[in-house]
């Protein structure tokens, strides 16, 4: 376990910190899914923007975790990547 993992484990004992961390988890997962799917297809943000009709700057914000995309935007991104969007409660 590295220093960050130790620090995070300690911080997670604080209920307020844990709540904030959990609240940001969905955004982080969305960010990583878009970035990974785009990278796997060797697409630039500009190429994905062209395929989806979403501005490159907005794709960048999503991948940096600076914007929370709507379901409609996620659907456009999925289709631009040749994928389908699935949303599940687990």
N, C-alpha and C. Protein backbone atom coordinates (compact mmCIF):
# COMPACT_ATOMS: atom_id res chain seq x y z
N UNK A 1 0.85 -1.18 0.00
CA UNK A 1 0.00 0.00 0.00
C UNK A 1 0.90 1.24 0.00
N UNK A 2 0.70 2.13 -0.99
CA UNK A 2 1.53 3.32 -1.04
C UNK A 2 0.99 4.41 -0.11
N UNK A 3 1.70 5.53 -0.04
CA UNK A 3 1.32 6.61 0.87
C UNK A 3 -0.08 7.15 0.59
N UNK A 4 -0.41 7.28 -0.69
CA UNK A 4 -1.73 7.80 -1.02
C UNK A 4 -2.82 6.86 -0.52
N UNK A 5 -2.64 5.57 -0.74
CA UNK A 5 -3.64 4.60 -0.29
C UNK A 5 -3.81 4.65 1.23
N UNK A 6 -2.71 4.80 1.95
CA UNK A 6 -2.78 4.90 3.40
C UNK A 6 -3.54 6.17 3.80
N UNK A 7 -3.20 7.27 3.15
CA UNK A 7 -3.86 8.54 3.44
C UNK A 7 -5.35 8.44 3.15
N UNK A 8 -5.69 7.87 2.00
CA UNK A 8 -7.09 7.75 1.61
C UNK A 8 -7.85 6.88 2.61
N UNK A 9 -7.25 5.79 3.03
CA UNK A 9 -7.90 4.91 4.00
C UNK A 9 -8.20 5.66 5.29
N UNK A 10 -7.25 6.47 5.74
CA UNK A 10 -7.46 7.26 6.95
C UNK A 10 -8.58 8.28 6.76
N UNK A 11 -8.57 8.95 5.62
CA UNK A 11 -9.57 9.97 5.35
C UNK A 11 -10.97 9.39 5.21
N UNK A 12 -11.07 8.17 4.70
CA UNK A 12 -12.36 7.54 4.51
C UNK A 12 -13.07 7.25 5.83
N UNK A 13 -12.33 7.32 6.92
CA UNK A 13 -12.94 7.14 8.24
C UNK A 13 -13.74 8.36 8.66
N UNK A 14 -13.48 9.49 8.01
CA UNK A 14 -14.21 10.72 8.26
C UNK A 14 -15.49 10.69 7.42
N UNK A 15 -16.68 10.65 8.05
CA UNK A 15 -17.93 10.53 7.29
C UNK A 15 -18.14 11.63 6.25
N UNK A 16 -17.75 12.86 6.56
CA UNK A 16 -17.93 13.96 5.61
C UNK A 16 -17.04 13.75 4.38
N UNK A 17 -15.79 13.35 4.62
CA UNK A 17 -14.87 13.09 3.50
C UNK A 17 -15.38 11.93 2.66
N UNK A 18 -15.82 10.85 3.31
CA UNK A 18 -16.31 9.68 2.58
C UNK A 18 -17.50 10.05 1.71
N UNK A 19 -18.41 10.87 2.24
CA UNK A 19 -19.58 11.29 1.47
C UNK A 19 -19.16 12.07 0.22
N UNK A 20 -18.24 13.00 0.36
CA UNK A 20 -17.75 13.76 -0.79
C UNK A 20 -17.05 12.86 -1.79
N UNK A 21 -16.25 11.94 -1.30
CA UNK A 21 -15.55 10.99 -2.18
C UNK A 21 -16.57 10.15 -2.95
N UNK A 22 -17.56 9.63 -2.26
CA UNK A 22 -18.58 8.81 -2.90
C UNK A 22 -19.39 9.62 -3.92
N UNK A 23 -19.67 10.87 -3.61
CA UNK A 23 -20.42 11.72 -4.53
C UNK A 23 -19.67 11.94 -5.84
N UNK A 24 -18.36 11.98 -5.80
CA UNK A 24 -17.55 12.21 -6.99
C UNK A 24 -17.21 10.95 -7.76
N UNK A 25 -17.53 9.80 -7.21
CA UNK A 25 -17.15 8.53 -7.83
C UNK A 25 -17.82 8.33 -9.19
N UNK A 26 -19.08 8.69 -9.30
CA UNK A 26 -19.79 8.50 -10.57
C UNK A 26 -19.15 9.37 -11.66
N UNK A 27 -18.84 10.62 -11.34
CA UNK A 27 -18.20 11.50 -12.32
C UNK A 27 -16.86 10.92 -12.77
N UNK A 28 -16.11 10.39 -11.82
CA UNK A 28 -14.81 9.81 -12.14
C UNK A 28 -14.97 8.61 -13.07
N UNK A 29 -15.94 7.76 -12.78
CA UNK A 29 -16.17 6.58 -13.62
C UNK A 29 -16.58 6.98 -15.03
N UNK A 30 -17.47 7.97 -15.15
CA UNK A 30 -17.89 8.44 -16.47
C UNK A 30 -16.71 9.00 -17.24
N UNK A 31 -15.93 9.81 -16.58
CA UNK A 31 -14.75 10.42 -17.19
C UNK A 31 -13.82 9.34 -17.73
N UNK A 32 -13.56 8.33 -16.92
CA UNK A 32 -12.63 7.28 -17.33
C UNK A 32 -13.22 6.41 -18.45
N UNK A 33 -14.52 6.16 -18.43
CA UNK A 33 -15.12 5.36 -19.49
C UNK A 33 -15.02 6.05 -20.84
N UNK A 34 -15.31 7.36 -20.87
CA UNK A 34 -15.23 8.10 -22.14
C UNK A 34 -13.78 8.13 -22.63
N UNK A 35 -12.86 8.47 -21.75
CA UNK A 35 -11.45 8.56 -22.11
C UNK A 35 -10.92 7.21 -22.60
N UNK A 36 -11.25 6.15 -21.89
CA UNK A 36 -10.76 4.81 -22.26
C UNK A 36 -11.33 4.37 -23.61
N UNK A 37 -12.64 4.55 -23.80
CA UNK A 37 -13.27 4.12 -25.05
C UNK A 37 -12.71 4.89 -26.24
N UNK A 38 -12.49 6.18 -26.07
CA UNK A 38 -11.91 6.99 -27.15
C UNK A 38 -10.49 6.54 -27.44
N UNK A 39 -9.71 6.33 -26.41
CA UNK A 39 -8.31 5.93 -26.57
C UNK A 39 -8.19 4.56 -27.22
N UNK A 40 -9.07 3.64 -26.85
CA UNK A 40 -9.03 2.29 -27.43
C UNK A 40 -9.26 2.31 -28.94
N UNK A 41 -9.97 3.33 -29.41
CA UNK A 41 -10.22 3.45 -30.85
C UNK A 41 -9.23 4.40 -31.52
N UNK A 42 -8.23 4.83 -30.77
CA UNK A 42 -7.20 5.74 -31.28
C UNK A 42 -7.80 6.98 -31.92
N UNK A 43 -8.83 7.53 -31.27
CA UNK A 43 -9.47 8.74 -31.75
C UNK A 43 -8.97 9.94 -30.96
N UNK A 44 -8.83 11.05 -31.63
CA UNK A 44 -8.56 12.29 -30.92
C UNK A 44 -9.89 12.85 -30.44
N UNK A 45 -9.82 13.80 -29.55
CA UNK A 45 -11.05 14.46 -29.10
C UNK A 45 -11.73 15.14 -30.28
N UNK A 46 -10.96 15.71 -31.18
CA UNK A 46 -11.53 16.37 -32.36
C UNK A 46 -12.27 15.38 -33.25
N UNK A 47 -11.70 14.20 -33.41
CA UNK A 47 -12.36 13.18 -34.23
C UNK A 47 -13.67 12.72 -33.58
N UNK A 48 -13.65 12.55 -32.27
CA UNK A 48 -14.88 12.17 -31.57
C UNK A 48 -15.90 13.30 -31.66
N UNK A 49 -15.44 14.52 -31.56
CA UNK A 49 -16.34 15.67 -31.68
C UNK A 49 -17.02 15.68 -33.04
N UNK A 50 -16.25 15.40 -34.07
CA UNK A 50 -16.79 15.37 -35.42
C UNK A 50 -17.86 14.27 -35.57
N UNK A 51 -17.60 13.13 -34.98
CA UNK A 51 -18.54 12.00 -35.05
C UNK A 51 -19.82 12.25 -34.27
N UNK A 52 -19.73 13.03 -33.20
CA UNK A 52 -20.86 13.18 -32.29
C UNK A 52 -21.62 14.50 -32.43
N UNK A 53 -20.97 15.50 -32.99
CA UNK A 53 -21.58 16.83 -33.03
C UNK A 53 -21.43 17.58 -31.72
N UNK A 54 -20.61 17.04 -30.83
CA UNK A 54 -20.32 17.69 -29.54
C UNK A 54 -19.00 18.44 -29.71
N UNK A 55 -18.94 19.65 -29.21
CA UNK A 55 -17.70 20.43 -29.34
C UNK A 55 -16.55 19.72 -28.65
N UNK A 56 -15.37 19.83 -29.26
CA UNK A 56 -14.17 19.21 -28.69
C UNK A 56 -13.92 19.70 -27.28
N UNK A 57 -14.16 20.98 -27.04
CA UNK A 57 -13.92 21.54 -25.71
C UNK A 57 -14.83 20.88 -24.67
N UNK A 58 -16.04 20.52 -25.06
CA UNK A 58 -16.95 19.83 -24.13
C UNK A 58 -16.49 18.41 -23.86
N UNK A 59 -15.98 17.75 -24.88
CA UNK A 59 -15.43 16.40 -24.67
C UNK A 59 -14.24 16.48 -23.72
N UNK A 60 -13.41 17.48 -23.90
CA UNK A 60 -12.27 17.68 -23.02
C UNK A 60 -12.72 17.88 -21.58
N UNK A 61 -13.73 18.70 -21.37
CA UNK A 61 -14.23 18.95 -20.01
C UNK A 61 -14.77 17.66 -19.37
N UNK A 62 -15.45 16.86 -20.17
CA UNK A 62 -15.98 15.59 -19.65
C UNK A 62 -14.82 14.68 -19.23
N UNK A 63 -13.80 14.59 -20.09
CA UNK A 63 -12.66 13.71 -19.81
C UNK A 63 -11.81 14.21 -18.65
N UNK A 64 -11.86 15.49 -18.36
CA UNK A 64 -11.12 16.04 -17.22
C UNK A 64 -11.94 16.03 -15.94
N UNK A 65 -13.21 15.62 -16.05
CA UNK A 65 -14.07 15.61 -14.87
C UNK A 65 -14.57 16.99 -14.51
N UNK A 66 -14.53 17.92 -15.45
CA UNK A 66 -14.97 19.29 -15.19
C UNK A 66 -16.41 19.52 -15.60
N UNK A 67 -17.04 18.53 -16.20
CA UNK A 67 -18.43 18.65 -16.62
C UNK A 67 -19.12 17.30 -16.43
N UNK A 68 -20.36 17.36 -16.01
CA UNK A 68 -21.17 16.15 -15.86
C UNK A 68 -22.10 16.09 -17.05
N UNK A 69 -21.85 15.15 -17.97
CA UNK A 69 -22.66 15.09 -19.19
C UNK A 69 -24.08 14.58 -18.92
N UNK A 70 -24.99 15.07 -19.71
CA UNK A 70 -26.37 14.59 -19.63
C UNK A 70 -26.44 13.19 -20.25
N UNK A 71 -27.56 12.53 -20.04
CA UNK A 71 -27.76 11.21 -20.65
C UNK A 71 -27.75 11.35 -22.17
N UNK A 72 -28.34 12.42 -22.68
CA UNK A 72 -28.36 12.64 -24.14
C UNK A 72 -26.95 12.79 -24.68
N UNK A 73 -26.10 13.50 -23.97
CA UNK A 73 -24.71 13.67 -24.40
C UNK A 73 -23.96 12.35 -24.34
N UNK A 74 -24.15 11.60 -23.27
CA UNK A 74 -23.50 10.28 -23.17
C UNK A 74 -23.97 9.37 -24.29
N UNK A 75 -25.23 9.46 -24.66
CA UNK A 75 -25.75 8.65 -25.75
C UNK A 75 -25.08 9.03 -27.07
N UNK A 76 -24.90 10.32 -27.32
CA UNK A 76 -24.20 10.78 -28.53
C UNK A 76 -22.77 10.26 -28.55
N UNK A 77 -22.11 10.31 -27.42
CA UNK A 77 -20.72 9.83 -27.34
C UNK A 77 -20.69 8.33 -27.60
N UNK A 78 -21.60 7.59 -26.99
CA UNK A 78 -21.66 6.14 -27.20
C UNK A 78 -21.84 5.82 -28.68
N UNK A 79 -22.78 6.49 -29.31
CA UNK A 79 -23.03 6.23 -30.74
C UNK A 79 -21.83 6.64 -31.58
N UNK A 80 -21.16 7.72 -31.23
CA UNK A 80 -19.97 8.14 -31.94
C UNK A 80 -18.84 7.14 -31.84
N UNK A 81 -18.87 6.36 -30.78
CA UNK A 81 -17.87 5.32 -30.56
C UNK A 81 -18.34 3.95 -31.07
N UNK A 82 -19.52 3.94 -31.69
CA UNK A 82 -20.07 2.67 -32.19
C UNK A 82 -20.56 1.77 -31.08
N UNK A 83 -20.98 2.37 -29.98
CA UNK A 83 -21.44 1.61 -28.81
C UNK A 83 -22.86 2.01 -28.46
N UNK A 84 -23.45 1.29 -27.53
CA UNK A 84 -24.75 1.63 -26.98
C UNK A 84 -24.58 2.04 -25.54
N UNK A 85 -25.37 3.00 -25.11
CA UNK A 85 -25.36 3.42 -23.72
C UNK A 85 -26.28 2.54 -22.91
N UNK A 86 -25.79 2.02 -21.80
CA UNK A 86 -26.61 1.24 -20.87
C UNK A 86 -26.51 1.89 -19.50
N UNK A 87 -27.63 2.03 -18.85
CA UNK A 87 -27.65 2.57 -17.49
C UNK A 87 -28.33 1.53 -16.61
N UNK A 88 -27.67 1.20 -15.51
CA UNK A 88 -28.19 0.14 -14.63
C UNK A 88 -28.16 0.60 -13.18
N UNK A 89 -29.10 0.10 -12.43
CA UNK A 89 -29.04 0.19 -10.97
C UNK A 89 -28.46 -1.13 -10.50
N UNK A 90 -27.42 -1.09 -9.71
CA UNK A 90 -26.82 -2.33 -9.19
C UNK A 90 -26.73 -2.28 -7.69
